[in-house]
Amino acid sequence: MEWLKRFLAGRYFRADELSFALLILMILLGIIGLAVKAPVIYLLSDLLFLIFILRNFSRRIDRRMAENAKFVQIFGPFYRKIGGFFQKLYHRFRDRKTHVYLKCPSCKQTLRLPRGKGKLKVSCPKCKTEFYKTT
């Protein structure tokens, strides 16, 4: 185990945004390659895996950080939008037993109500519309 510590010392090995995007793209290409049975797609997936490994075992930490900063600068807004979508899905799944999610009838704002409280008078915080909902 000591040899592994010595080997990884001074390496970039970080879970940054670019590494995560490479992994996701590699997995997606692998699945598509399985479905289509195209060796070129498999080759692309393997190439992305090689880039991922080389990035993470690199000793040029400053260059890897610059690569990640450039990636975040270019794809940051898109990356955050996707992250926000999956975060909302996670919260809905986590709260599925204790809360109900619904939309306001007038402004379509998503509201979160406690489950099992009977008939509630709901007031939308955005448009102040009041309506009744059974939870």
C-alpha atoms as a PDB file:
ATOM      1  CA  MET A   1       0.000   0.000   0.000  1.00  0.00           C
ATOM      2  CA  GLU A   2       2.943   2.296   0.588  1.00  0.00           C
ATOM      3  CA  TRP A   3       3.979   2.024  -3.065  1.00  0.00           C
ATOM      4  CA  LEU A   4       0.537   3.335  -4.092  1.00  0.00           C
ATOM      5  CA  LYS A   5       0.891   6.354  -1.810  1.00  0.00           C
ATOM      6  CA  ARG A   6       4.304   7.098  -3.312  1.00  0.00           C
ATOM      7  CA  PHE A   7       2.954   6.658  -6.848  1.00  0.00           C
ATOM      8  CA  LEU A   8      -0.021   8.984  -6.287  1.00  0.00           C
ATOM      9  CA  ALA A   9       2.002  11.641  -4.483  1.00  0.00           C
ATOM     10  CA  GLY A  10       2.207  14.758  -6.643  1.00  0.00           C
ATOM     11  CA  ARG A  11      -0.403  13.518  -9.134  1.00  0.00           C
ATOM     12  CA  TYR A  12      -3.461  15.503 -10.199  1.00  0.00           C
ATOM     13  CA  PHE A  13      -5.968  12.771  -9.226  1.00  0.00           C
ATOM     14  CA  ARG A  14      -9.004  15.041  -8.589  1.00  0.00           C
ATOM     15  CA  ALA A  15     -12.705  14.710  -9.305  1.00  0.00           C
ATOM     16  CA  ASP A  16     -13.164  17.943 -11.233  1.00  0.00           C
ATOM     17  CA  GLU A  17     -15.863  18.949 -13.714  1.00  0.00           C
ATOM     18  CA  LEU A  18     -13.883  17.966 -16.813  1.00  0.00           C
ATOM     19  CA  SER A  19     -13.082  14.506 -15.440  1.00  0.00           C
ATOM     20  CA  PHE A  20     -16.730  13.966 -14.559  1.00  0.00           C
ATOM     21  CA  ALA A  21     -17.833  15.068 -18.047  1.00  0.00           C
ATOM     22  CA  LEU A  22     -15.283  12.716 -19.639  1.00  0.00           C
ATOM     23  CA  LEU A  23     -16.593   9.801 -17.574  1.00  0.00           C
ATOM     24  CA  ILE A  24     -20.237  10.530 -18.407  1.00  0.00           C
ATOM     25  CA  LEU A  25     -19.452  10.898 -22.116  1.00  0.00           C
ATOM     26  CA  MET A  26     -17.391   7.701 -22.048  1.00  0.00           C
ATOM     27  CA  ILE A  27     -20.265   5.753 -20.457  1.00  0.00           C
ATOM     28  CA  LEU A  28     -22.816   7.189 -22.895  1.00  0.00           C
ATOM     29  CA  LEU A  29     -20.633   6.322 -25.893  1.00  0.00           C
ATOM     30  CA  GLY A  30     -20.141   2.814 -24.517  1.00  0.00           C
ATOM     31  CA  ILE A  31     -23.904   2.307 -24.207  1.00  0.00           C
ATOM     32  CA  ILE A  32     -24.504   3.720 -27.689  1.00  0.00           C
ATOM     33  CA  GLY A  33     -21.721   1.507 -29.037  1.00  0.00           C
ATOM     34  CA  LEU A  34     -23.430  -1.532 -27.511  1.00  0.00           C
ATOM     35  CA  ALA A  35     -26.772  -0.609 -29.040  1.00  0.00           C
ATOM     36  CA  VAL A  36     -25.452   0.235 -32.505  1.00  0.00           C
ATOM     37  CA  LYS A  37     -22.565  -2.261 -32.550  1.00  0.00           C
ATOM     38  CA  ALA A  38     -20.200   0.281 -34.108  1.00  0.00           C
ATOM     39  CA  PRO A  39     -16.493  -0.278 -33.382  1.00  0.00           C
ATOM     40  CA  VAL A  40     -15.706   3.398 -34.031  1.00  0.00           C
ATOM     41  CA  ILE A  41     -17.869   4.427 -31.097  1.00  0.00           C
ATOM     42  CA  TYR A  42     -16.120   1.863 -28.884  1.00  0.00           C
ATOM     43  CA  LEU A  43     -12.797   3.325 -29.989  1.00  0.00           C
ATOM     44  CA  LEU A  44     -13.976   6.839 -29.065  1.00  0.00           C
ATOM     45  CA  SER A  45     -15.085   5.574 -25.663  1.00  0.00           C
ATOM     46  CA  ASP A  46     -11.686   3.944 -25.102  1.00  0.00           C
ATOM     47  CA  LEU A  47      -9.933   7.137 -26.200  1.00  0.00           C
ATOM     48  CA  LEU A  48     -11.938   9.173 -23.658  1.00  0.00           C
ATOM     49  CA  PHE A  49     -11.000   6.649 -20.961  1.00  0.00           C
ATOM     50  CA  LEU A  50      -7.324   7.000 -21.895  1.00  0.00           C
ATOM     51  CA  ILE A  51      -7.569  10.815 -21.710  1.00  0.00           C
ATOM     52  CA  PHE A  52      -9.297  10.506 -18.327  1.00  0.00           C
ATOM     53  CA  ILE A  53      -6.531   8.245 -16.974  1.00  0.00           C
ATOM     54  CA  LEU A  54      -3.720  10.398 -18.364  1.00  0.00           C
ATOM     55  CA  ARG A  55      -5.291  13.561 -16.914  1.00  0.00           C
ATOM     56  CA  ASN A  56      -5.702  12.061 -13.471  1.00  0.00           C
ATOM     57  CA  PHE A  57      -2.215  10.571 -13.246  1.00  0.00           C
ATOM     58  CA  SER A  58      -0.521  13.677 -14.613  1.00  0.00           C
ATOM     59  CA  ARG A  59       2.094  15.523 -12.560  1.00  0.00           C
ATOM     60  CA  ARG A  60       1.372  18.823 -14.336  1.00  0.00           C
ATOM     61  CA  ILE A  61      -1.238  19.995 -11.871  1.00  0.00           C
ATOM     62  CA  ASP A  62      -1.208  23.608 -13.071  1.00  0.00           C
ATOM     63  CA  ARG A  63      -2.060  22.568 -16.643  1.00  0.00           C
ATOM     64  CA  ARG A  64      -4.848  20.226 -15.520  1.00  0.00           C
ATOM     65  CA  MET A  65      -6.349  22.995 -13.383  1.00  0.00           C
ATOM     66  CA  ALA A  66      -6.144  25.386 -16.363  1.00  0.00           C
ATOM     67  CA  GLU A  67      -7.887  22.793 -18.576  1.00  0.00           C
ATOM     68  CA  ASN A  68     -10.664  22.432 -16.032  1.00  0.00           C
ATOM     69  CA  ALA A  69     -11.015  26.214 -15.647  1.00  0.00           C
ATOM     70  CA  LYS A  70     -11.348  26.591 -19.426  1.00  0.00           C
ATOM     71  CA  PHE A  71     -13.943  23.801 -19.525  1.00  0.00           C
ATOM     72  CA  VAL A  72     -15.953  25.435 -16.723  1.00  0.00           C
ATOM     73  CA  GLN A  73     -15.719  28.813 -18.463  1.00  0.00           C
ATOM     74  CA  ILE A  74     -17.091  27.410 -21.726  1.00  0.00           C
ATOM     75  CA  PHE A  75     -19.579  24.809 -20.474  1.00  0.00           C
ATOM     76  CA  GLY A  76     -20.332  26.207 -16.999  1.00  0.00           C
ATOM     77  CA  PRO A  77     -23.844  27.579 -17.662  1.00  0.00           C
ATOM     78  CA  PHE A  78     -24.913  24.385 -19.441  1.00  0.00           C
ATOM     79  CA  TYR A  79     -23.284  22.235 -16.758  1.00  0.00           C
ATOM     80  CA  ARG A  80     -25.061  24.138 -13.965  1.00  0.00           C
ATOM     81  CA  LYS A  81     -28.422  23.866 -15.737  1.00  0.00           C
ATOM     82  CA  ILE A  82     -28.100  20.080 -16.027  1.00  0.00           C
ATOM     83  CA  GLY A  83     -26.860  19.871 -12.436  1.00  0.00           C
ATOM     84  CA  GLY A  84     -29.853  21.875 -11.229  1.00  0.00           C
ATOM     85  CA  PHE A  85     -32.239  19.575 -13.076  1.00  0.00           C
ATOM     86  CA  PHE A  86     -30.756  16.452 -11.487  1.00  0.00           C
ATOM     87  CA  GLN A  87     -30.657  18.134  -8.088  1.00  0.00           C
ATOM     88  CA  LYS A  88     -34.410  18.843  -8.321  1.00  0.00           C
ATOM     89  CA  LEU A  89     -35.033  15.216  -9.266  1.00  0.00           C
ATOM     90  CA  TYR A  90     -32.944  14.068  -6.310  1.00  0.00           C
ATOM     91  CA  HIS A  91     -34.881  16.269  -3.861  1.00  0.00           C
ATOM     92  CA  ARG A  92     -38.222  15.068  -5.212  1.00  0.00           C
ATOM     93  CA  PHE A  93     -37.131  11.455  -4.886  1.00  0.00           C
ATOM     94  CA  ARG A  94     -35.744  12.007  -1.386  1.00  0.00           C
ATOM     95  CA  ASP A  95     -38.955  13.729  -0.195  1.00  0.00           C
ATOM     96  CA  ARG A  96     -41.417  11.399  -1.947  1.00  0.00           C
ATOM     97  CA  LYS A  97     -42.699   9.870   1.321  1.00  0.00           C
ATOM     98  CA  THR A  98     -43.072  13.087   3.306  1.00  0.00           C
ATOM     99  CA  HIS A  99     -43.996  15.766   0.747  1.00  0.00           C
ATOM    100  CA  VAL A 100     -46.121  16.372  -2.352  1.00  0.00           C
ATOM    101  CA  TYR A 101     -44.985  18.620  -5.216  1.00  0.00           C
ATOM    102  CA  LEU A 102     -47.552  20.548  -7.243  1.00  0.00           C
ATOM    103  CA  LYS A 103     -47.736  23.558  -9.538  1.00  0.00           C
ATOM    104  CA  CYS A 104     -49.542  26.814  -8.863  1.00  0.00           C
ATOM    105  CA  PRO A 105     -52.554  27.037 -11.213  1.00  0.00           C
ATOM    106  CA  SER A 106     -51.840  30.638 -12.203  1.00  0.00           C
ATOM    107  CA  CYS A 107     -48.046  31.101 -12.370  1.00  0.00           C
ATOM    108  CA  LYS A 108     -46.915  27.430 -12.612  1.00  0.00           C
ATOM    109  CA  GLN A 109     -44.473  27.820  -9.700  1.00  0.00           C
ATOM    110  CA  THR A 110     -43.564  24.458  -8.122  1.00  0.00           C
ATOM    111  CA  LEU A 111     -44.807  24.184  -4.538  1.00  0.00           C
ATOM    112  CA  ARG A 112     -43.870  21.613  -1.893  1.00  0.00           C
ATOM    113  CA  LEU A 113     -46.537  20.560   0.621  1.00  0.00           C
ATOM    114  CA  PRO A 114     -46.420  18.090   3.507  1.00  0.00           C
ATOM    115  CA  ARG A 115     -48.065  14.761   2.727  1.00  0.00           C
ATOM    116  CA  GLY A 116     -51.065  13.483   4.716  1.00  0.00           C
ATOM    117  CA  LYS A 117     -52.318  16.787   6.190  1.00  0.00           C
ATOM    118  CA  GLY A 118     -55.776  16.649   4.583  1.00  0.00           C
ATOM    119  CA  LYS A 119     -57.253  19.686   2.851  1.00  0.00           C
ATOM    120  CA  LEU A 120     -54.851  22.649   2.941  1.00  0.00           C
ATOM    121  CA  LYS A 121     -55.286  26.274   1.961  1.00  0.00           C
ATOM    122  CA  VAL A 122     -52.224  26.952  -0.192  1.00  0.00           C
ATOM    123  CA  SER A 123     -50.899  30.429  -0.891  1.00  0.00           C
ATOM    124  CA  CYS A 124     -48.363  30.718  -3.715  1.00  0.00           C
ATOM    125  CA  PRO A 125     -45.323  32.701  -2.530  1.00  0.00           C
ATOM    126  CA  LYS A 126     -44.691  34.064  -6.026  1.00  0.00           C
ATOM    127  CA  CYS A 127     -48.110  35.319  -7.208  1.00  0.00           C
ATOM    128  CA  LYS A 128     -50.036  35.168  -3.894  1.00  0.00           C
ATOM    129  CA  THR A 129     -52.838  33.075  -5.435  1.00  0.00           C
ATOM    130  CA  GLU A 130     -54.774  31.086  -2.855  1.00  0.00           C
ATOM    131  CA  PHE A 131     -56.293  27.682  -3.580  1.00  0.00           C
ATOM    132  CA  TYR A 132     -57.197  24.475  -1.728  1.00  0.00           C
ATOM    133  CA  LYS A 133     -55.376  21.194  -2.184  1.00  0.00           C
ATOM    134  CA  THR A 134     -55.807  17.805  -0.499  1.00  0.00           C
ATOM    135  CA  THR A 135     -52.518  16.125   0.373  1.00  0.00           C
END
